[in-house]
Amino acid sequence: MPARPANRPARVGARGVLAVIIAGAVVVIALWWHSTPGVHGLGGWLTGAGEVLGLLCGYGVVVLVALMARLPPLERGLGTDKLASWHAMGGRYIVSLVVAHGLFIVWGYAATAHANVVSESATLLTQYPDVLMATVAGFLLLGIGIVSMRAARRRVRYETWYFLHLYTYLAIALAFSHQLADGAAFVSNLAARFWWSAMYLTVLVLVLWYRFAVPLLSYRKHRFEVLGVKPEGPGVISVYIGGRRFEELDAEPGQVSSAGGS
């Protein structure tokens, strides 16, 4: 098999990405299993279900952000359309997991304490660290999910949807601390706390670099400007971009480059 040219950009295929995502989910479930010595009674089973769903939520939001972090190997290998499709599909699953996580945790704690769900909800919100912030985060994600539904999105301007979607980052930030403060997998496991935090920090750095720093540096280098907009057909529009030193951009047909051109 001939060697890959040295100047060919790296790219990752769909199977490789899916394999990594599934492997990460397996590790998350193993983390829950390791931190759960035993499950007893209805309350224990309900709480256990809520805990594993919560861990998968925490992992899932990182995956969703990474898919849209404009990572060059992902964009070259899958393309922005497929990444956006995976992000949208995954978002629906994550919102469902968030809702199920909250319901199972409240129900499980109430069953264990032999209390009703209303009083147990009040206890969780007022006596457990950072649960109130996490609850706000959950409602934010639920609201974003509702606005992103196909029927609702048709009635919302793109700019409105886009800026509302940015609240996803706020929701992730609000929910993060309660995972370490209340999650059984992290309370007494320093290694798990470190690697979980490192996962979030790594994706944060990638987002800041590829979604903000790289486009700004690229604009400074290439001085992009819109030369013209031409309708090509129903739902198809060509945008002509001008600038300088385009030979250094290394853009490919059909791919949205990390610099913002196409």
C-alpha atoms as a PDB file:
ATOM      1  CA  MET A   1       0.000   0.000   0.000  1.00  0.00           C
ATOM      2  CA  PRO A   2       1.511   3.342  -1.000  1.00  0.00           C
ATOM      3  CA  ALA A   3       2.365   5.700   1.834  1.00  0.00           C
ATOM      4  CA  ARG A   4       0.133   8.668   2.414  1.00  0.00           C
ATOM      5  CA  PRO A   5       1.654  11.889   1.108  1.00  0.00           C
ATOM      6  CA  ALA A   6       3.329  13.848   3.865  1.00  0.00           C
ATOM      7  CA  ASN A   7       1.305  16.982   3.092  1.00  0.00           C
ATOM      8  CA  ARG A   8      -2.111  15.255   3.088  1.00  0.00           C
ATOM      9  CA  PRO A   9      -4.195  16.594   6.002  1.00  0.00           C
ATOM     10  CA  ALA A  10      -5.314  14.105   8.629  1.00  0.00           C
ATOM     11  CA  ARG A  11      -8.952  13.032   8.610  1.00  0.00           C
ATOM     12  CA  VAL A  12     -11.101  10.677  10.666  1.00  0.00           C
ATOM     13  CA  GLY A  13     -13.854   8.488   9.216  1.00  0.00           C
ATOM     14  CA  ALA A  14     -17.331   7.907  10.573  1.00  0.00           C
ATOM     15  CA  ARG A  15     -16.535   4.423  11.879  1.00  0.00           C
ATOM     16  CA  GLY A  16     -13.527   5.680  13.798  1.00  0.00           C
ATOM     17  CA  VAL A  17     -15.497   8.510  15.392  1.00  0.00           C
ATOM     18  CA  LEU A  18     -18.373   6.205  16.352  1.00  0.00           C
ATOM     19  CA  ALA A  19     -15.909   3.683  17.810  1.00  0.00           C
ATOM     20  CA  VAL A  20     -14.350   6.370  20.011  1.00  0.00           C
ATOM     21  CA  ILE A  21     -17.760   7.660  21.162  1.00  0.00           C
ATOM     22  CA  ILE A  22     -18.991   4.146  22.019  1.00  0.00           C
ATOM     23  CA  ALA A  23     -15.738   3.287  23.795  1.00  0.00           C
ATOM     24  CA  GLY A  24     -16.093   6.434  25.897  1.00  0.00           C
ATOM     25  CA  ALA A  25     -19.667   5.507  26.831  1.00  0.00           C
ATOM     26  CA  VAL A  26     -18.495   2.048  27.892  1.00  0.00           C
ATOM     27  CA  VAL A  27     -15.824   3.621  30.116  1.00  0.00           C
ATOM     28  CA  VAL A  28     -18.467   5.895  31.678  1.00  0.00           C
ATOM     29  CA  ILE A  29     -20.721   2.929  32.465  1.00  0.00           C
ATOM     30  CA  ALA A  30     -17.706   1.081  33.902  1.00  0.00           C
ATOM     31  CA  LEU A  31     -17.020   4.105  36.111  1.00  0.00           C
ATOM     32  CA  TRP A  32     -20.561   3.920  37.477  1.00  0.00           C
ATOM     33  CA  TRP A  33     -20.235   0.160  38.040  1.00  0.00           C
ATOM     34  CA  HIS A  34     -16.943   0.632  39.899  1.00  0.00           C
ATOM     35  CA  SER A  35     -18.455   3.297  42.173  1.00  0.00           C
ATOM     36  CA  THR A  36     -21.599   1.253  42.930  1.00  0.00           C
ATOM     37  CA  PRO A  37     -20.740  -1.651  45.266  1.00  0.00           C
ATOM     38  CA  GLY A  38     -24.331  -2.811  45.468  1.00  0.00           C
ATOM     39  CA  VAL A  39     -27.898  -1.862  44.609  1.00  0.00           C
ATOM     40  CA  HIS A  40     -30.679  -2.694  47.054  1.00  0.00           C
ATOM     41  CA  GLY A  41     -34.392  -2.010  46.982  1.00  0.00           C
ATOM     42  CA  LEU A  42     -36.503   0.097  44.685  1.00  0.00           C
ATOM     43  CA  GLY A  43     -34.841   3.322  45.814  1.00  0.00           C
ATOM     44  CA  GLY A  44     -31.398   1.913  45.110  1.00  0.00           C
ATOM     45  CA  TRP A  45     -32.321   0.775  41.603  1.00  0.00           C
ATOM     46  CA  LEU A  46     -33.970   4.068  40.756  1.00  0.00           C
ATOM     47  CA  THR A  47     -31.068   6.080  42.131  1.00  0.00           C
ATOM     48  CA  GLY A  48     -28.584   3.856  40.305  1.00  0.00           C
ATOM     49  CA  ALA A  49     -30.436   4.403  37.033  1.00  0.00           C
ATOM     50  CA  GLY A  50     -30.407   8.150  37.645  1.00  0.00           C
ATOM     51  CA  GLU A  51     -26.678   8.111  38.397  1.00  0.00           C
ATOM     52  CA  VAL A  52     -25.665   6.215  35.263  1.00  0.00           C
ATOM     53  CA  LEU A  53     -27.937   8.402  33.139  1.00  0.00           C
ATOM     54  CA  GLY A  54     -26.383  11.487  34.723  1.00  0.00           C
ATOM     55  CA  LEU A  55     -22.879  10.267  33.892  1.00  0.00           C
ATOM     56  CA  LEU A  56     -23.927   9.591  30.318  1.00  0.00           C
ATOM     57  CA  CYS A  57     -25.410  13.115  30.165  1.00  0.00           C
ATOM     58  CA  GLY A  58     -22.147  14.618  31.374  1.00  0.00           C
ATOM     59  CA  TYR A  59     -20.207  12.606  28.817  1.00  0.00           C
ATOM     60  CA  GLY A  60     -22.729  13.211  26.053  1.00  0.00           C
ATOM     61  CA  VAL A  61     -22.612  17.004  26.213  1.00  0.00           C
ATOM     62  CA  VAL A  62     -18.831  16.845  25.819  1.00  0.00           C
ATOM     63  CA  VAL A  63     -19.268  14.687  22.710  1.00  0.00           C
ATOM     64  CA  LEU A  64     -21.856  17.100  21.277  1.00  0.00           C
ATOM     65  CA  VAL A  65     -19.570  20.092  21.783  1.00  0.00           C
ATOM     66  CA  ALA A  66     -16.569  18.227  20.350  1.00  0.00           C
ATOM     67  CA  LEU A  67     -18.528  17.329  17.196  1.00  0.00           C
ATOM     68  CA  MET A  68     -19.116  21.036  16.507  1.00  0.00           C
ATOM     69  CA  ALA A  69     -15.708  22.272  17.702  1.00  0.00           C
ATOM     70  CA  ARG A  70     -14.518  22.636  14.086  1.00  0.00           C
ATOM     71  CA  LEU A  71     -11.771  20.032  14.540  1.00  0.00           C
ATOM     72  CA  PRO A  72     -10.055  19.752  11.124  1.00  0.00           C
ATOM     73  CA  PRO A  73      -9.722  15.918  11.075  1.00  0.00           C
ATOM     74  CA  LEU A  74     -13.458  15.579  11.802  1.00  0.00           C
ATOM     75  CA  GLU A  75     -14.536  18.176   9.254  1.00  0.00           C
ATOM     76  CA  ARG A  76     -12.330  16.692   6.545  1.00  0.00           C
ATOM     77  CA  GLY A  77     -13.382  13.123   7.290  1.00  0.00           C
ATOM     78  CA  LEU A  78     -17.107  13.560   7.909  1.00  0.00           C
ATOM     79  CA  GLY A  79     -17.999  17.001   6.593  1.00  0.00           C
ATOM     80  CA  THR A  80     -19.918  19.696   8.415  1.00  0.00           C
ATOM     81  CA  ASP A  81     -23.323  18.453   7.242  1.00  0.00           C
ATOM     82  CA  LYS A  82     -22.878  15.024   8.817  1.00  0.00           C
ATOM     83  CA  LEU A  83     -21.360  16.503  11.972  1.00  0.00           C
ATOM     84  CA  ALA A  84     -24.317  18.874  12.314  1.00  0.00           C
ATOM     85  CA  SER A  85     -26.725  15.973  11.750  1.00  0.00           C
ATOM     86  CA  TRP A  86     -25.016  13.872  14.428  1.00  0.00           C
ATOM     87  CA  HIS A  87     -24.992  16.869  16.771  1.00  0.00           C
ATOM     88  CA  ALA A  88     -28.727  17.447  16.306  1.00  0.00           C
ATOM     89  CA  MET A  89     -29.584  13.764  16.744  1.00  0.00           C
ATOM     90  CA  GLY A  90     -27.342  13.473  19.794  1.00  0.00           C
ATOM     91  CA  GLY A  91     -28.869  16.604  21.280  1.00  0.00           C
ATOM     92  CA  ARG A  92     -32.310  14.990  21.301  1.00  0.00           C
ATOM     93  CA  TYR A  93     -30.921  11.967  23.143  1.00  0.00           C
ATOM     94  CA  ILE A  94     -29.060  14.133  25.658  1.00  0.00           C
ATOM     95  CA  VAL A  95     -32.132  16.217  26.503  1.00  0.00           C
ATOM     96  CA  SER A  96     -34.090  12.996  27.030  1.00  0.00           C
ATOM     97  CA  LEU A  97     -31.323  11.647  29.286  1.00  0.00           C
ATOM     98  CA  VAL A  98     -31.246  14.898  31.295  1.00  0.00           C
ATOM     99  CA  VAL A  99     -34.982  14.704  31.961  1.00  0.00           C
ATOM    100  CA  ALA A 100     -34.804  10.996  32.827  1.00  0.00           C
ATOM    101  CA  HIS A 101     -31.782  11.599  35.093  1.00  0.00           C
ATOM    102  CA  GLY A 102     -33.644  14.203  37.135  1.00  0.00           C
ATOM    103  CA  LEU A 103     -36.807  12.120  37.427  1.00  0.00           C
ATOM    104  CA  PHE A 104     -35.007   8.917  38.468  1.00  0.00           C
ATOM    105  CA  ILE A 105     -32.795  10.707  41.011  1.00  0.00           C
ATOM    106  CA  VAL A 106     -35.726  12.451  42.687  1.00  0.00           C
ATOM    107  CA  TRP A 107     -37.858   9.301  42.639  1.00  0.00           C
ATOM    108  CA  GLY A 108     -35.012   7.133  43.914  1.00  0.00           C
ATOM    109  CA  TYR A 109     -34.079   9.479  46.757  1.00  0.00           C
ATOM    110  CA  ALA A 110     -37.754   9.823  47.703  1.00  0.00           C
ATOM    111  CA  ALA A 111     -38.222   6.037  47.763  1.00  0.00           C
ATOM    112  CA  THR A 112     -35.107   5.582  49.890  1.00  0.00           C
ATOM    113  CA  ALA A 113     -36.145   8.310  52.354  1.00  0.00           C
ATOM    114  CA  HIS A 114     -39.810   7.162  52.337  1.00  0.00           C
ATOM    115  CA  ALA A 115     -40.815  10.707  51.380  1.00  0.00           C
ATOM    116  CA  ASN A 116     -42.924  12.176  48.609  1.00  0.00           C
ATOM    117  CA  VAL A 117     -41.236  13.496  45.481  1.00  0.00           C
ATOM    118  CA  VAL A 118     -42.207  17.125  46.173  1.00  0.00           C
ATOM    119  CA  SER A 119     -40.523  17.295  49.570  1.00  0.00           C
ATOM    120  CA  GLU A 120     -37.539  15.324  48.300  1.00  0.00           C
ATOM    121  CA  SER A 121     -37.175  17.734  45.387  1.00  0.00           C
ATOM    122  CA  ALA A 122     -37.070  20.622  47.855  1.00  0.00           C
ATOM    123  CA  THR A 123     -34.444  18.771  49.913  1.00  0.00           C
ATOM    124  CA  LEU A 124     -32.255  18.168  46.878  1.00  0.00           C
ATOM    125  CA  LEU A 125     -32.508  21.789  45.753  1.00  0.00           C
ATOM    126  CA  THR A 126     -31.747  23.310  49.146  1.00  0.00           C
ATOM    127  CA  GLN A 127     -29.433  20.854  50.896  1.00  0.00           C
ATOM    128  CA  TYR A 128     -27.281  19.272  48.168  1.00  0.00           C
ATOM    129  CA  PRO A 129     -24.421  21.386  46.793  1.00  0.00           C
ATOM    130  CA  ASP A 130     -24.869  22.884  43.323  1.00  0.00           C
ATOM    131  CA  VAL A 131     -28.070  20.937  42.576  1.00  0.00           C
ATOM    132  CA  LEU A 132     -29.975  24.198  42.106  1.00  0.00           C
ATOM    133  CA  MET A 133     -27.507  25.318  39.421  1.00  0.00           C
ATOM    134  CA  ALA A 134     -27.749  21.923  37.766  1.00  0.00           C
ATOM    135  CA  THR A 135     -31.542  22.197  37.750  1.00  0.00           C
ATOM    136  CA  VAL A 136     -31.319  25.563  36.002  1.00  0.00           C
ATOM    137  CA  ALA A 137     -28.939  23.947  33.520  1.00  0.00           C
ATOM    138  CA  GLY A 138     -31.391  21.126  32.898  1.00  0.00           C
ATOM    139  CA  PHE A 139     -34.235  23.547  32.140  1.00  0.00           C
ATOM    140  CA  LEU A 140     -31.925  25.513  29.844  1.00  0.00           C
ATOM    141  CA  LEU A 141     -31.087  22.364  27.878  1.00  0.00           C
ATOM    142  CA  LEU A 142     -34.761  21.399  27.755  1.00  0.00           C
ATOM    143  CA  GLY A 143     -35.688  24.847  26.431  1.00  0.00           C
ATOM    144  CA  ILE A 144     -32.950  24.742  23.812  1.00  0.00           C
ATOM    145  CA  GLY A 145     -34.099  21.289  22.791  1.00  0.00           C
ATOM    146  CA  ILE A 146     -37.688  22.480  22.369  1.00  0.00           C
ATOM    147  CA  VAL A 147     -36.626  25.490  20.302  1.00  0.00           C
ATOM    148  CA  SER A 148     -34.435  23.225  18.161  1.00  0.00           C
ATOM    149  CA  MET A 149     -37.300  20.874  17.306  1.00  0.00           C
ATOM    150  CA  ARG A 150     -38.086  20.985  13.611  1.00  0.00           C
ATOM    151  CA  ALA A 151     -41.625  22.303  14.048  1.00  0.00           C
ATOM    152  CA  ALA A 152     -40.498  25.065  16.416  1.00  0.00           C
ATOM    153  CA  ARG A 153     -37.339  25.999  14.538  1.00  0.00           C
ATOM    154  CA  ARG A 154     -39.308  26.793  11.374  1.00  0.00           C
ATOM    155  CA  ARG A 155     -40.995  29.586  13.312  1.00  0.00           C
ATOM    156  CA  VAL A 156     -37.813  31.041  14.797  1.00  0.00           C
ATOM    157  CA  ARG A 157     -35.331  33.266  12.988  1.00  0.00           C
ATOM    158  CA  TYR A 158     -31.935  31.647  12.517  1.00  0.00           C
ATOM    159  CA  GLU A 159     -30.205  34.400  14.472  1.00  0.00           C
ATOM    160  CA  THR A 160     -32.566  33.874  17.410  1.00  0.00           C
ATOM    161  CA  TRP A 161     -32.037  30.111  17.348  1.00  0.00           C
ATOM    162  CA  TYR A 162     -28.270  30.560  17.086  1.00  0.00           C
ATOM    163  CA  PHE A 163     -27.947  32.872  20.072  1.00  0.00           C
ATOM    164  CA  LEU A 164     -30.307  30.727  22.154  1.00  0.00           C
ATOM    165  CA  HIS A 165     -28.165  27.724  21.230  1.00  0.00           C
ATOM    166  CA  LEU A 166     -25.140  29.443  22.782  1.00  0.00           C
ATOM    167  CA  TYR A 167     -26.808  29.012  26.178  1.00  0.00           C
ATOM    168  CA  THR A 168     -25.804  25.362  25.867  1.00  0.00           C
ATOM    169  CA  TYR A 169     -22.331  26.400  27.008  1.00  0.00           C
ATOM    170  CA  LEU A 170     -23.830  28.145  30.043  1.00  0.00           C
ATOM    171  CA  ALA A 171     -25.887  25.045  30.866  1.00  0.00           C
ATOM    172  CA  ILE A 172     -22.788  22.839  30.698  1.00  0.00           C
ATOM    173  CA  ALA A 173     -20.884  25.212  32.971  1.00  0.00           C
ATOM    174  CA  LEU A 174     -23.732  25.370  35.506  1.00  0.00           C
ATOM    175  CA  ALA A 175     -24.117  21.577  35.612  1.00  0.00           C
ATOM    176  CA  PHE A 176     -20.441  20.684  35.861  1.00  0.00           C
ATOM    177  CA  SER A 177     -19.755  21.347  39.548  1.00  0.00           C
ATOM    178  CA  HIS A 178     -22.688  19.273  40.851  1.00  0.00           C
ATOM    179  CA  GLN A 179     -21.280  16.221  39.089  1.00  0.00           C
ATOM    180  CA  LEU A 180     -18.134  16.321  41.211  1.00  0.00           C
ATOM    181  CA  ALA A 181     -19.878  17.500  44.381  1.00  0.00           C
ATOM    182  CA  ASP A 182     -22.757  14.995  44.383  1.00  0.00           C
ATOM    183  CA  GLY A 183     -21.864  12.202  41.983  1.00  0.00           C
ATOM    184  CA  ALA A 184     -21.047   8.938  43.748  1.00  0.00           C
ATOM    185  CA  ALA A 185     -18.460   8.196  41.064  1.00  0.00           C
ATOM    186  CA  PHE A 186     -16.439  11.309  41.986  1.00  0.00           C
ATOM    187  CA  VAL A 187     -16.969  12.140  45.661  1.00  0.00           C
ATOM    188  CA  SER A 188     -14.235   9.800  46.911  1.00  0.00           C
ATOM    189  CA  ASN A 189     -12.406   9.058  43.652  1.00  0.00           C
ATOM    190  CA  LEU A 190      -9.694  11.637  43.004  1.00  0.00           C
ATOM    191  CA  ALA A 191      -8.540   9.963  39.770  1.00  0.00           C
ATOM    192  CA  ALA A 192     -12.064  10.022  38.345  1.00  0.00           C
ATOM    193  CA  ARG A 193     -12.427  13.688  39.284  1.00  0.00           C
ATOM    194  CA  PHE A 194      -9.128  14.502  37.562  1.00  0.00           C
ATOM    195  CA  TRP A 195      -9.849  12.669  34.301  1.00  0.00           C
ATOM    196  CA  TRP A 196     -13.447  13.932  34.123  1.00  0.00           C
ATOM    197  CA  SER A 197     -12.244  17.506  34.594  1.00  0.00           C
ATOM    198  CA  ALA A 198      -9.450  16.947  32.060  1.00  0.00           C
ATOM    199  CA  MET A 199     -12.021  15.764  29.500  1.00  0.00           C
ATOM    200  CA  TYR A 200     -14.048  18.950  29.923  1.00  0.00           C
ATOM    201  CA  LEU A 201     -10.970  21.168  29.928  1.00  0.00           C
ATOM    202  CA  THR A 202      -9.600  19.554  26.761  1.00  0.00           C
ATOM    203  CA  VAL A 203     -12.822  20.137  24.838  1.00  0.00           C
ATOM    204  CA  LEU A 204     -13.012  23.718  26.174  1.00  0.00           C
ATOM    205  CA  VAL A 205      -9.504  24.435  24.865  1.00  0.00           C
ATOM    206  CA  LEU A 206     -10.354  22.893  21.477  1.00  0.00           C
ATOM    207  CA  VAL A 207     -13.508  25.020  21.195  1.00  0.00           C
ATOM    208  CA  LEU A 208     -11.680  28.227  22.142  1.00  0.00           C
ATOM    209  CA  TRP A 209      -8.901  27.488  19.661  1.00  0.00           C
ATOM    210  CA  TYR A 210     -10.766  26.197  16.605  1.00  0.00           C
ATOM    211  CA  ARG A 211     -14.024  28.154  16.901  1.00  0.00           C
ATOM    212  CA  PHE A 212     -12.580  31.477  18.014  1.00  0.00           C
ATOM    213  CA  ALA A 213      -8.791  31.828  17.812  1.00  0.00           C
ATOM    214  CA  VAL A 214      -8.249  30.119  14.437  1.00  0.00           C
ATOM    215  CA  PRO A 215     -11.002  32.056  12.578  1.00  0.00           C
ATOM    216  CA  LEU A 216      -9.724  35.361  13.985  1.00  0.00           C
ATOM    217  CA  LEU A 217      -6.134  34.565  13.067  1.00  0.00           C
ATOM    218  CA  SER A 218      -7.237  33.371   9.650  1.00  0.00           C
ATOM    219  CA  TYR A 219      -9.232  36.543   9.023  1.00  0.00           C
ATOM    220  CA  ARG A 220      -6.242  38.629   9.984  1.00  0.00           C
ATOM    221  CA  LYS A 221      -4.105  36.665   7.541  1.00  0.00           C
ATOM    222  CA  HIS A 222      -6.506  36.382   4.575  1.00  0.00           C
ATOM    223  CA  ARG A 223      -8.716  39.485   5.016  1.00  0.00           C
ATOM    224  CA  PHE A 224     -11.924  37.755   3.894  1.00  0.00           C
ATOM    225  CA  GLU A 225     -14.678  39.833   2.317  1.00  0.00           C
ATOM    226  CA  VAL A 226     -17.935  38.937   0.611  1.00  0.00           C
ATOM    227  CA  LEU A 227     -17.702  39.793  -3.098  1.00  0.00           C
ATOM    228  CA  GLY A 228     -21.149  38.628  -4.098  1.00  0.00           C
ATOM    229  CA  VAL A 229     -24.151  36.434  -3.347  1.00  0.00           C
ATOM    230  CA  LYS A 230     -25.807  34.502  -6.189  1.00  0.00           C
ATOM    231  CA  PRO A 231     -28.964  32.332  -5.988  1.00  0.00           C
ATOM    232  CA  GLU A 232     -28.284  29.074  -7.838  1.00  0.00           C
ATOM    233  CA  GLY A 233     -31.628  27.350  -7.338  1.00  0.00           C
ATOM    234  CA  PRO A 234     -34.285  26.527  -4.736  1.00  0.00           C
ATOM    235  CA  GLY A 235     -32.540  26.623  -1.369  1.00  0.00           C
ATOM    236  CA  VAL A 236     -29.060  26.928  -2.963  1.00  0.00           C
ATOM    237  CA  ILE A 237     -27.017  30.121  -2.755  1.00  0.00           C
ATOM    238  CA  SER A 238     -23.394  30.722  -3.731  1.00  0.00           C
ATOM    239  CA  VAL A 239     -21.386  33.170  -1.655  1.00  0.00           C
ATOM    240  CA  TYR A 240     -18.251  34.500  -3.342  1.00  0.00           C
ATOM    241  CA  ILE A 241     -15.428  35.267  -0.929  1.00  0.00           C
ATOM    242  CA  GLY A 242     -12.412  37.398  -1.695  1.00  0.00           C
ATOM    243  CA  GLY A 243      -9.207  37.999   0.190  1.00  0.00           C
ATOM    244  CA  ARG A 244      -5.500  37.449  -0.051  1.00  0.00           C
ATOM    245  CA  ARG A 245      -3.048  34.538   0.102  1.00  0.00           C
ATOM    246  CA  PHE A 246      -5.818  32.016  -0.631  1.00  0.00           C
ATOM    247  CA  GLU A 247      -3.245  29.517  -1.895  1.00  0.00           C
ATOM    248  CA  GLU A 248      -2.227  29.005   1.744  1.00  0.00           C
ATOM    249  CA  LEU A 249      -5.804  28.299   2.904  1.00  0.00           C
ATOM    250  CA  ASP A 250      -5.760  24.626   1.826  1.00  0.00           C
ATOM    251  CA  ALA A 251      -9.564  24.504   1.505  1.00  0.00           C
ATOM    252  CA  GLU A 252     -11.264  21.548  -0.178  1.00  0.00           C
ATOM    253  CA  PRO A 253     -14.475  21.516  -2.266  1.00  0.00           C
ATOM    254  CA  GLY A 254     -17.520  20.658  -0.188  1.00  0.00           C
ATOM    255  CA  GLN A 255     -15.754  21.296   3.094  1.00  0.00           C
ATOM    256  CA  VAL A 256     -16.170  24.325   5.333  1.00  0.00           C
ATOM    257  CA  SER A 257     -12.631  25.141   6.354  1.00  0.00           C
ATOM    258  CA  SER A 258     -11.623  26.031   9.884  1.00  0.00           C
ATOM    259  CA  ALA A 259     -10.910  29.501   8.597  1.00  0.00           C
ATOM    260  CA  GLY A 260     -14.532  30.084   7.733  1.00  0.00           C
ATOM    261  CA  GLY A 261     -14.334  29.810   3.936  1.00  0.00           C
ATOM    262  CA  SER A 262     -15.756  27.100   1.739  1.00  0.00           C
END
